[in-house]
Amino acid sequence: MELYDNNFDEEVFKSDIPVLVELWASWCPPCKMMEPVMNSLEKQYEGKVKVCKINIDKNPKTSDKFDIKGVPTFLLVKAGEVIERVVAAKTEEQLKEMINKVL
């Protein structure tokens, strides 16, 4: 699911289920490498975890809110709280470990 400044809080912080968000940029090669991983996670965790991404260049308010200095940055949010934040590309297994901590 693609997020934007105008729906980020609603979709992420008011979600009934945990949310994994990738903050990314089109000029970032590691971000492009993450696309199939994020698509796979979205299918695997459908109904259990919302898997989303937001382009930091097109959504500067969200980027500023989280003081994004590097991409990709991943946020894991549960019950309106950022549980974990990691920067840099991760393997699918690493992201699954992160997600499974909150399930």
PDB file of N, CA and C in Angstrom:
ATOM      1  N   MET A   1       0.847  -1.171   0.000  1.00  0.00           N
ATOM      2  CA  MET A   1       0.000   0.000   0.000  1.00  0.00           C
ATOM      3  C   MET A   1       0.896   1.239   0.000  1.00  0.00           C
ATOM      4  N   GLU A   2       0.615   2.152  -0.882  1.00  0.00           N
ATOM      5  CA  GLU A   2       1.373   3.405  -0.958  1.00  0.00           C
ATOM      6  C   GLU A   2       0.726   4.414  -0.011  1.00  0.00           C
ATOM      7  N   LEU A   3       1.548   5.061   0.793  1.00  0.00           N
ATOM      8  CA  LEU A   3       1.070   6.071   1.729  1.00  0.00           C
ATOM      9  C   LEU A   3       1.499   7.457   1.266  1.00  0.00           C
ATOM     10  N   TYR A   4       0.814   8.459   1.824  1.00  0.00           N
ATOM     11  CA  TYR A   4       1.089   9.857   1.506  1.00  0.00           C
ATOM     12  C   TYR A   4       1.015  10.663   2.798  1.00  0.00           C
ATOM     13  N   ASP A   5       1.537  11.889   2.768  1.00  0.00           N
ATOM     14  CA  ASP A   5       1.471  12.744   3.955  1.00  0.00           C
ATOM     15  C   ASP A   5       0.049  12.839   4.501  1.00  0.00           C
ATOM     16  N   ASN A   6      -0.940  12.923   3.600  1.00  0.00           N
ATOM     17  CA  ASN A   6      -2.317  13.173   4.039  1.00  0.00           C
ATOM     18  C   ASN A   6      -3.035  11.947   4.608  1.00  0.00           C
ATOM     19  N   ASN A   7      -2.460  10.735   4.459  1.00  0.00           N
ATOM     20  CA  ASN A   7      -3.134   9.568   5.048  1.00  0.00           C
ATOM     21  C   ASN A   7      -2.214   8.754   5.962  1.00  0.00           C
ATOM     22  N   PHE A   8      -0.991   9.215   6.164  1.00  0.00           N
ATOM     23  CA  PHE A   8      -0.014   8.439   6.929  1.00  0.00           C
ATOM     24  C   PHE A   8      -0.501   8.153   8.352  1.00  0.00           C
ATOM     25  N   ASP A   9      -0.872   9.186   9.096  1.00  0.00           N
ATOM     26  CA  ASP A   9      -1.280   8.983  10.492  1.00  0.00           C
ATOM     27  C   ASP A   9      -2.491   8.062  10.594  1.00  0.00           C
ATOM     28  N   GLU A  10      -3.457   8.273   9.721  1.00  0.00           N
ATOM     29  CA  GLU A  10      -4.676   7.447   9.744  1.00  0.00           C
ATOM     30  C   GLU A  10      -4.353   5.981   9.472  1.00  0.00           C
ATOM     31  N   GLU A  11      -3.581   5.714   8.436  1.00  0.00           N
ATOM     32  CA  GLU A  11      -3.282   4.337   8.023  1.00  0.00           C
ATOM     33  C   GLU A  11      -2.286   3.637   8.947  1.00  0.00           C
ATOM     34  N   VAL A  12      -1.391   4.402   9.563  1.00  0.00           N
ATOM     35  CA  VAL A  12      -0.326   3.794  10.364  1.00  0.00           C
ATOM     36  C   VAL A  12      -0.638   3.842  11.857  1.00  0.00           C
ATOM     37  N   PHE A  13      -0.845   5.029  12.392  1.00  0.00           N
ATOM     38  CA  PHE A  13      -0.980   5.162  13.838  1.00  0.00           C
ATOM     39  C   PHE A  13      -2.368   4.816  14.356  1.00  0.00           C
ATOM     40  N   LYS A  14      -3.358   4.771  13.483  1.00  0.00           N
ATOM     41  CA  LYS A  14      -4.711   4.398  13.908  1.00  0.00           C
ATOM     42  C   LYS A  14      -5.098   3.004  13.425  1.00  0.00           C
ATOM     43  N   SER A  15      -4.137   2.259  12.926  1.00  0.00           N
ATOM     44  CA  SER A  15      -4.406   0.913  12.415  1.00  0.00           C
ATOM     45  C   SER A  15      -4.700  -0.051  13.561  1.00  0.00           C
ATOM     46  N   ASP A  16      -5.631  -0.966  13.315  1.00  0.00           N
ATOM     47  CA  ASP A  16      -5.962  -2.001  14.298  1.00  0.00           C
ATOM     48  C   ASP A  16      -4.940  -3.128  14.320  1.00  0.00           C
ATOM     49  N   ILE A  17      -4.130  -3.221  13.273  1.00  0.00           N
ATOM     50  CA  ILE A  17      -3.106  -4.265  13.190  1.00  0.00           C
ATOM     51  C   ILE A  17      -1.733  -3.600  13.059  1.00  0.00           C
ATOM     52  N   PRO A  18      -0.655  -4.329  13.371  1.00  0.00           N
ATOM     53  CA  PRO A  18       0.685  -3.748  13.219  1.00  0.00           C
ATOM     54  C   PRO A  18       0.933  -3.301  11.779  1.00  0.00           C
ATOM     55  N   VAL A  19       1.840  -2.332  11.631  1.00  0.00           N
ATOM     56  CA  VAL A  19       2.151  -1.770  10.318  1.00  0.00           C
ATOM     57  C   VAL A  19       3.664  -1.736  10.130  1.00  0.00           C
ATOM     58  N   LEU A  20       4.117  -2.258   8.987  1.00  0.00           N
ATOM     59  CA  LEU A  20       5.512  -2.127   8.578  1.00  0.00           C
ATOM     60  C   LEU A  20       5.543  -1.095   7.459  1.00  0.00           C
ATOM     61  N   VAL A  21       6.305  -0.021   7.661  1.00  0.00           N
ATOM     62  CA  VAL A  21       6.397   1.049   6.671  1.00  0.00           C
ATOM     63  C   VAL A  21       7.830   1.153   6.172  1.00  0.00           C
ATOM     64  N   GLU A  22       7.976   1.194   4.863  1.00  0.00           N
ATOM     65  CA  GLU A  22       9.275   1.494   4.260  1.00  0.00           C
ATOM     66  C   GLU A  22       9.235   2.937   3.772  1.00  0.00           C
ATOM     67  N   LEU A  23      10.153   3.748   4.278  1.00  0.00           N
ATOM     68  CA  LEU A  23      10.334   5.103   3.772  1.00  0.00           C
ATOM     69  C   LEU A  23      11.435   5.009   2.735  1.00  0.00           C
ATOM     70  N   TRP A  24      11.136   5.387   1.493  1.00  0.00           N
ATOM     71  CA  TRP A  24      12.028   5.110   0.375  1.00  0.00           C
ATOM     72  C   TRP A  24      12.125   6.320  -0.551  1.00  0.00           C
ATOM     73  N   ALA A  25      13.024   6.209  -1.543  1.00  0.00           N
ATOM     74  CA  ALA A  25      13.178   7.241  -2.571  1.00  0.00           C
ATOM     75  C   ALA A  25      13.469   6.573  -3.906  1.00  0.00           C
ATOM     76  N   SER A  26      13.006   7.194  -4.979  1.00  0.00           N
ATOM     77  CA  SER A  26      13.163   6.605  -6.315  1.00  0.00           C
ATOM     78  C   SER A  26      14.620   6.558  -6.765  1.00  0.00           C
ATOM     79  N   TRP A  27      15.467   7.417  -6.223  1.00  0.00           N
ATOM     80  CA  TRP A  27      16.879   7.478  -6.609  1.00  0.00           C
ATOM     81  C   TRP A  27      17.747   6.501  -5.807  1.00  0.00           C
ATOM     82  N   CYS A  28      17.140   5.697  -4.956  1.00  0.00           N
ATOM     83  CA  CYS A  28      17.853   4.817  -4.023  1.00  0.00           C
ATOM     84  C   CYS A  28      17.877   3.374  -4.542  1.00  0.00           C
ATOM     85  N   PRO A  29      19.036   2.884  -5.044  1.00  0.00           N
ATOM     86  CA  PRO A  29      19.106   1.500  -5.539  1.00  0.00           C
ATOM     87  C   PRO A  29      18.694   0.442  -4.503  1.00  0.00           C
ATOM     88  N   PRO A  30      19.126   0.538  -3.228  1.00  0.00           N
ATOM     89  CA  PRO A  30      18.675  -0.473  -2.261  1.00  0.00           C
ATOM     90  C   PRO A  30      17.156  -0.475  -2.071  1.00  0.00           C
ATOM     91  N   CYS A  31      16.535   0.699  -2.215  1.00  0.00           N
ATOM     92  CA  CYS A  31      15.071   0.767  -2.097  1.00  0.00           C
ATOM     93  C   CYS A  31      14.411  -0.039  -3.212  1.00  0.00           C
ATOM     94  N   LYS A  32      14.961   0.072  -4.409  1.00  0.00           N
ATOM     95  CA  LYS A  32      14.411  -0.686  -5.541  1.00  0.00           C
ATOM     96  C   LYS A  32      14.564  -2.185  -5.309  1.00  0.00           C
ATOM     97  N   MET A  33      15.667  -2.580  -4.681  1.00  0.00           N
ATOM     98  CA  MET A  33      15.884  -3.999  -4.373  1.00  0.00           C
ATOM     99  C   MET A  33      14.868  -4.509  -3.353  1.00  0.00           C
ATOM    100  N   MET A  34      14.326  -3.620  -2.537  1.00  0.00           N
ATOM    101  CA  MET A  34      13.384  -4.021  -1.493  1.00  0.00           C
ATOM    102  C   MET A  34      11.973  -4.257  -2.026  1.00  0.00           C
ATOM    103  N   GLU A  35      11.674  -3.781  -3.221  1.00  0.00           N
ATOM    104  CA  GLU A  35      10.308  -3.875  -3.736  1.00  0.00           C
ATOM    105  C   GLU A  35       9.762  -5.304  -3.759  1.00  0.00           C
ATOM    106  N   PRO A  36      10.491  -6.295  -4.313  1.00  0.00           N
ATOM    107  CA  PRO A  36       9.946  -7.656  -4.289  1.00  0.00           C
ATOM    108  C   PRO A  36       9.814  -8.221  -2.876  1.00  0.00           C
ATOM    109  N   VAL A  37      10.694  -7.815  -1.982  1.00  0.00           N
ATOM    110  CA  VAL A  37      10.617  -8.272  -0.586  1.00  0.00           C
ATOM    111  C   VAL A  37       9.351  -7.721   0.064  1.00  0.00           C
ATOM    112  N   MET A  38       9.100  -6.438  -0.123  1.00  0.00           N
ATOM    113  CA  MET A  38       7.908  -5.831   0.470  1.00  0.00           C
ATOM    114  C   MET A  38       6.632  -6.435  -0.122  1.00  0.00           C
ATOM    115  N   ASN A  39       6.626  -6.696  -1.429  1.00  0.00           N
ATOM    116  CA  ASN A  39       5.461  -7.331  -2.061  1.00  0.00           C
ATOM    117  C   ASN A  39       5.227  -8.720  -1.491  1.00  0.00           C
ATOM    118  N   SER A  40       6.292  -9.470  -1.273  1.00  0.00           N
ATOM    119  CA  SER A  40       6.186 -10.810  -0.700  1.00  0.00           C
ATOM    120  C   SER A  40       5.643 -10.747   0.727  1.00  0.00           C
ATOM    121  N   LEU A  41       6.163  -9.823   1.526  1.00  0.00           N
ATOM    122  CA  LEU A  41       5.692  -9.682   2.908  1.00  0.00           C
ATOM    123  C   LEU A  41       4.225  -9.270   2.948  1.00  0.00           C
ATOM    124  N   GLU A  42       3.832  -8.406   2.032  1.00  0.00           N
ATOM    125  CA  GLU A  42       2.438  -7.964   1.980  1.00  0.00           C
ATOM    126  C   GLU A  42       1.505  -9.157   1.767  1.00  0.00           C
ATOM    127  N   LYS A  43       1.897 -10.075   0.900  1.00  0.00           N
ATOM    128  CA  LYS A  43       1.083 -11.273   0.644  1.00  0.00           C
ATOM    129  C   LYS A  43       1.106 -12.226   1.836  1.00  0.00           C
ATOM    130  N   GLN A  44       2.283 -12.450   2.406  1.00  0.00           N
ATOM    131  CA  GLN A  44       2.425 -13.397   3.513  1.00  0.00           C
ATOM    132  C   GLN A  44       1.671 -12.964   4.769  1.00  0.00           C
ATOM    133  N   TYR A  45       1.637 -11.664   5.026  1.00  0.00           N
ATOM    134  CA  TYR A  45       1.049 -11.165   6.273  1.00  0.00           C
ATOM    135  C   TYR A  45      -0.311 -10.503   6.065  1.00  0.00           C
ATOM    136  N   GLU A  46      -0.926 -10.749   4.922  1.00  0.00           N
ATOM    137  CA  GLU A  46      -2.223 -10.140   4.615  1.00  0.00           C
ATOM    138  C   GLU A  46      -3.221 -10.401   5.743  1.00  0.00           C
ATOM    139  N   GLY A  47      -3.845  -9.327   6.227  1.00  0.00           N
ATOM    140  CA  GLY A  47      -4.813  -9.436   7.305  1.00  0.00           C
ATOM    141  C   GLY A  47      -4.197  -9.433   8.693  1.00  0.00           C
ATOM    142  N   LYS A  48      -2.884  -9.643   8.793  1.00  0.00           N
ATOM    143  CA  LYS A  48      -2.200  -9.666  10.094  1.00  0.00           C
ATOM    144  C   LYS A  48      -1.328  -8.436  10.304  1.00  0.00           C
ATOM    145  N   VAL A  49      -0.692  -7.984   9.225  1.00  0.00           N
ATOM    146  CA  VAL A  49       0.201  -6.822   9.266  1.00  0.00           C
ATOM    147  C   VAL A  49      -0.028  -6.013   7.992  1.00  0.00           C
ATOM    148  N   LYS A  50      -0.150  -4.711   8.154  1.00  0.00           N
ATOM    149  CA  LYS A  50      -0.267  -3.829   6.998  1.00  0.00           C
ATOM    150  C   LYS A  50       1.153  -3.499   6.538  1.00  0.00           C
ATOM    151  N   VAL A  51       1.469  -3.765   5.283  1.00  0.00           N
ATOM    152  CA  VAL A  51       2.794  -3.497   4.716  1.00  0.00           C
ATOM    153  C   VAL A  51       2.650  -2.320   3.752  1.00  0.00           C
ATOM    154  N   CYS A  52       3.370  -1.231   4.059  1.00  0.00           N
ATOM    155  CA  CYS A  52       3.194   0.015   3.316  1.00  0.00           C
ATOM    156  C   CYS A  52       4.538   0.633   2.959  1.00  0.00           C
ATOM    157  N   LYS A  53       4.474   1.589   2.037  1.00  0.00           N
ATOM    158  CA  LYS A  53       5.668   2.367   1.711  1.00  0.00           C
ATOM    159  C   LYS A  53       5.273   3.799   1.431  1.00  0.00           C
ATOM    160  N   ILE A  54       6.226   4.697   1.673  1.00  0.00           N
ATOM    161  CA  ILE A  54       5.988   6.111   1.421  1.00  0.00           C
ATOM    162  C   ILE A  54       7.250   6.722   0.828  1.00  0.00           C
ATOM    163  N   ASN A  55       7.075   7.441  -0.267  1.00  0.00           N
ATOM    164  CA  ASN A  55       8.180   8.093  -0.964  1.00  0.00           C
ATOM    165  C   ASN A  55       8.521   9.386  -0.221  1.00  0.00           C
ATOM    166  N   ILE A  56       9.743   9.472   0.317  1.00  0.00           N
ATOM    167  CA  ILE A  56      10.107  10.629   1.137  1.00  0.00           C
ATOM    168  C   ILE A  56      10.228  11.916   0.330  1.00  0.00           C
ATOM    169  N   ASP A  57      10.560  11.815  -0.945  1.00  0.00           N
ATOM    170  CA  ASP A  57      10.690  13.016  -1.769  1.00  0.00           C
ATOM    171  C   ASP A  57       9.336  13.636  -2.093  1.00  0.00           C
ATOM    172  N   LYS A  58       8.319  12.813  -2.213  1.00  0.00           N
ATOM    173  CA  LYS A  58       6.976  13.305  -2.531  1.00  0.00           C
ATOM    174  C   LYS A  58       6.163  13.611  -1.277  1.00  0.00           C
ATOM    175  N   ASN A  59       6.679  13.201  -0.116  1.00  0.00           N
ATOM    176  CA  ASN A  59       5.956  13.365   1.148  1.00  0.00           C
ATOM    177  C   ASN A  59       6.894  13.908   2.222  1.00  0.00           C
ATOM    178  N   PRO A  60       7.319  15.165   2.070  1.00  0.00           N
ATOM    179  CA  PRO A  60       8.333  15.720   2.971  1.00  0.00           C
ATOM    180  C   PRO A  60       7.887  15.873   4.422  1.00  0.00           C
ATOM    181  N   LYS A  61       6.596  16.048   4.665  1.00  0.00           N
ATOM    182  CA  LYS A  61       6.133  16.192   6.052  1.00  0.00           C
ATOM    183  C   LYS A  61       6.428  14.928   6.852  1.00  0.00           C
ATOM    184  N   THR A  62       6.145  13.791   6.261  1.00  0.00           N
ATOM    185  CA  THR A  62       6.398  12.522   6.958  1.00  0.00           C
ATOM    186  C   THR A  62       7.892  12.296   7.117  1.00  0.00           C
ATOM    187  N   SER A  63       8.649  12.600   6.088  1.00  0.00           N
ATOM    188  CA  SER A  63      10.103  12.466   6.158  1.00  0.00           C
ATOM    189  C   SER A  63      10.673  13.331   7.283  1.00  0.00           C
ATOM    190  N   ASP A  64      10.212  14.567   7.374  1.00  0.00           N
ATOM    191  CA  ASP A  64      10.681  15.475   8.427  1.00  0.00           C
ATOM    192  C   ASP A  64      10.237  15.006   9.811  1.00  0.00           C
ATOM    193  N   LYS A  65       9.013  14.517   9.894  1.00  0.00           N
ATOM    194  CA  LYS A  65       8.468  14.066  11.180  1.00  0.00           C
ATOM    195  C   LYS A  65       9.347  12.984  11.805  1.00  0.00           C
ATOM    196  N   PHE A  66       9.884  12.103  10.964  1.00  0.00           N
ATOM    197  CA  PHE A  66      10.711  11.005  11.470  1.00  0.00           C
ATOM    198  C   PHE A  66      12.204  11.267  11.292  1.00  0.00           C
ATOM    199  N   ASP A  67      12.551  12.488  10.893  1.00  0.00           N
ATOM    200  CA  ASP A  67      13.956  12.890  10.747  1.00  0.00           C
ATOM    201  C   ASP A  67      14.741  11.856   9.940  1.00  0.00           C
ATOM    202  N   ILE A  68      14.240  11.563   8.749  1.00  0.00           N
ATOM    203  CA  ILE A  68      14.848  10.539   7.900  1.00  0.00           C
ATOM    204  C   ILE A  68      16.165  11.050   7.325  1.00  0.00           C
ATOM    205  N   LYS A  69      17.238  10.328   7.633  1.00  0.00           N
ATOM    206  CA  LYS A  69      18.578  10.691   7.157  1.00  0.00           C
ATOM    207  C   LYS A  69      19.101   9.699   6.122  1.00  0.00           C
ATOM    208  N   GLY A  70      18.520   8.505   6.080  1.00  0.00           N
ATOM    209  CA  GLY A  70      18.950   7.484   5.133  1.00  0.00           C
ATOM    210  C   GLY A  70      17.773   6.634   4.706  1.00  0.00           C
ATOM    211  N   VAL A  71      17.853   6.117   3.497  1.00  0.00           N
ATOM    212  CA  VAL A  71      16.796   5.243   2.987  1.00  0.00           C
ATOM    213  C   VAL A  71      17.410   3.966   2.435  1.00  0.00           C
ATOM    214  N   PRO A  72      16.698   2.877   2.498  1.00  0.00           N
ATOM    215  CA  PRO A  72      15.373   2.772   3.093  1.00  0.00           C
ATOM    216  C   PRO A  72      15.433   2.801   4.620  1.00  0.00           C
ATOM    217  N   THR A  73      14.385   3.357   5.206  1.00  0.00           N
ATOM    218  CA  THR A  73      14.170   3.286   6.650  1.00  0.00           C
ATOM    219  C   THR A  73      12.877   2.517   6.852  1.00  0.00           C
ATOM    220  N   PHE A  74      12.904   1.587   7.788  1.00  0.00           N
ATOM    221  CA  PHE A  74      11.719   0.785   8.095  1.00  0.00           C
ATOM    222  C   PHE A  74      11.221   1.141   9.483  1.00  0.00           C
ATOM    223  N   LEU A  75       9.912   1.350   9.593  1.00  0.00           N
ATOM    224  CA  LEU A  75       9.268   1.579  10.879  1.00  0.00           C
ATOM    225  C   LEU A  75       8.283   0.450  11.114  1.00  0.00           C
ATOM    226  N   LEU A  76       8.329  -0.112  12.302  1.00  0.00           N
ATOM    227  CA  LEU A  76       7.332  -1.100  12.699  1.00  0.00           C
ATOM    228  C   LEU A  76       6.485  -0.445  13.778  1.00  0.00           C
ATOM    229  N   VAL A  77       5.194  -0.312  13.498  1.00  0.00           N
ATOM    230  CA  VAL A  77       4.289   0.411  14.382  1.00  0.00           C
ATOM    231  C   VAL A  77       3.196  -0.532  14.865  1.00  0.00           C
ATOM    232  N   LYS A  78       2.947  -0.487  16.181  1.00  0.00           N
ATOM    233  CA  LYS A  78       1.857  -1.280  16.755  1.00  0.00           C
ATOM    234  C   LYS A  78       1.144  -0.412  17.782  1.00  0.00           C
ATOM    235  N   ALA A  79      -0.171  -0.392  17.704  1.00  0.00           N
ATOM    236  CA  ALA A  79      -1.006   0.367  18.637  1.00  0.00           C
ATOM    237  C   ALA A  79      -0.570   1.828  18.722  1.00  0.00           C
ATOM    238  N   GLY A  80      -0.230   2.411  17.575  1.00  0.00           N
ATOM    239  CA  GLY A  80       0.115   3.817  17.524  1.00  0.00           C
ATOM    240  C   GLY A  80       1.509   4.169  17.993  1.00  0.00           C
ATOM    241  N   GLU A  81       2.336   3.178  18.244  1.00  0.00           N
ATOM    242  CA  GLU A  81       3.686   3.417  18.755  1.00  0.00           C
ATOM    243  C   GLU A  81       4.729   2.783  17.840  1.00  0.00           C
ATOM    244  N   VAL A  82       5.804   3.529  17.572  1.00  0.00           N
ATOM    245  CA  VAL A  82       6.907   2.967  16.790  1.00  0.00           C
ATOM    246  C   VAL A  82       7.653   1.990  17.693  1.00  0.00           C
ATOM    247  N   ILE A  83       7.582   0.710  17.351  1.00  0.00           N
ATOM    248  CA  ILE A  83       8.207  -0.351  18.143  1.00  0.00           C
ATOM    249  C   ILE A  83       9.664  -0.530  17.744  1.00  0.00           C
ATOM    250  N   GLU A  84       9.924  -0.411  16.449  1.00  0.00           N
ATOM    251  CA  GLU A  84      11.283  -0.603  15.957  1.00  0.00           C
ATOM    252  C   GLU A  84      11.507   0.271  14.731  1.00  0.00           C
ATOM    253  N   ARG A  85      12.755   0.731  14.604  1.00  0.00           N
ATOM    254  CA  ARG A  85      13.164   1.559  13.460  1.00  0.00           C
ATOM    255  C   ARG A  85      14.533   1.070  13.016  1.00  0.00           C
ATOM    256  N   VAL A  86      14.649   0.720  11.740  1.00  0.00           N
ATOM    257  CA  VAL A  86      15.931   0.276  11.198  1.00  0.00           C
ATOM    258  C   VAL A  86      16.189   0.985   9.872  1.00  0.00           C
ATOM    259  N   VAL A  87      17.468   1.244   9.625  1.00  0.00           N
ATOM    260  CA  VAL A  87      17.878   1.924   8.397  1.00  0.00           C
ATOM    261  C   VAL A  87      18.757   0.982   7.599  1.00  0.00           C
ATOM    262  N   ALA A  88      18.565   0.956   6.308  1.00  0.00           N
ATOM    263  CA  ALA A  88      19.335   0.148   5.340  1.00  0.00           C
ATOM    264  C   ALA A  88      18.494  -1.031   4.876  1.00  0.00           C
ATOM    265  N   ALA A  89      18.837  -1.520   3.699  1.00  0.00           N
ATOM    266  CA  ALA A  89      18.126  -2.668   3.125  1.00  0.00           C
ATOM    267  C   ALA A  89      18.280  -3.870   4.047  1.00  0.00           C
ATOM    268  N   LYS A  90      17.235  -4.660   4.139  1.00  0.00           N
ATOM    269  CA  LYS A  90      17.218  -5.859   4.978  1.00  0.00           C
ATOM    270  C   LYS A  90      16.755  -7.036   4.132  1.00  0.00           C
ATOM    271  N   THR A  91      17.113  -8.225   4.575  1.00  0.00           N
ATOM    272  CA  THR A  91      16.620  -9.415   3.895  1.00  0.00           C
ATOM    273  C   THR A  91      15.168  -9.645   4.304  1.00  0.00           C
ATOM    274  N   GLU A  92      14.490 -10.468   3.541  1.00  0.00           N
ATOM    275  CA  GLU A  92      13.114 -10.816   3.892  1.00  0.00           C
ATOM    276  C   GLU A  92      13.074 -11.474   5.264  1.00  0.00           C
ATOM    277  N   GLU A  93      14.041 -12.337   5.540  1.00  0.00           N
ATOM    278  CA  GLU A  93      14.088 -13.016   6.844  1.00  0.00           C
ATOM    279  C   GLU A  93      14.264 -12.021   7.985  1.00  0.00           C
ATOM    280  N   GLN A  94      15.121 -11.025   7.799  1.00  0.00           N
ATOM    281  CA  GLN A  94      15.332 -10.019   8.845  1.00  0.00           C
ATOM    282  C   GLN A  94      14.048  -9.242   9.124  1.00  0.00           C
ATOM    283  N   LEU A  95      13.334  -8.884   8.078  1.00  0.00           N
ATOM    284  CA  LEU A  95      12.080  -8.157   8.269  1.00  0.00           C
ATOM    285  C   LEU A  95      11.018  -9.052   8.899  1.00  0.00           C
ATOM    286  N   LYS A  96      10.992 -10.321   8.541  1.00  0.00           N
ATOM    287  CA  LYS A  96      10.036 -11.254   9.146  1.00  0.00           C
ATOM    288  C   LYS A  96      10.309 -11.408  10.642  1.00  0.00           C
ATOM    289  N   GLU A  97      11.579 -11.479  11.022  1.00  0.00           N
ATOM    290  CA  GLU A  97      11.926 -11.560  12.448  1.00  0.00           C
ATOM    291  C   GLU A  97      11.405 -10.333  13.186  1.00  0.00           C
ATOM    292  N   MET A  98      11.583  -9.181  12.585  1.00  0.00           N
ATOM    293  CA  MET A  98      11.119  -7.932  13.178  1.00  0.00           C
ATOM    294  C   MET A  98       9.596  -7.952  13.338  1.00  0.00           C
ATOM    295  N   ILE A  99       8.897  -8.347  12.286  1.00  0.00           N
ATOM    296  CA  ILE A  99       7.432  -8.396  12.311  1.00  0.00           C
ATOM    297  C   ILE A  99       6.934  -9.403  13.342  1.00  0.00           C
ATOM    298  N   ASN A 100       7.539 -10.575  13.363  1.00  0.00           N
ATOM    299  CA  ASN A 100       7.050 -11.645  14.239  1.00  0.00           C
ATOM    300  C   ASN A 100       7.161 -11.299  15.718  1.00  0.00           C
ATOM    301  N   LYS A 101       8.003 -10.336  16.065  1.00  0.00           N
ATOM    302  CA  LYS A 101       8.119  -9.898  17.463  1.00  0.00           C
ATOM    303  C   LYS A 101       6.828  -9.250  17.961  1.00  0.00           C
ATOM    304  N   VAL A 102       6.035  -8.690  17.054  1.00  0.00           N
ATOM    305  CA  VAL A 102       4.829  -7.972  17.481  1.00  0.00           C
ATOM    306  C   VAL A 102       3.541  -8.756  17.221  1.00  0.00           C
ATOM    307  N   LEU A 103       3.665  -9.956  16.710  1.00  0.00           N
ATOM    308  CA  LEU A 103       2.456 -10.762  16.445  1.00  0.00           C
ATOM    309  C   LEU A 103       2.134 -11.670  17.615  1.00  0.00           C
TER     310      LEU A 103
END
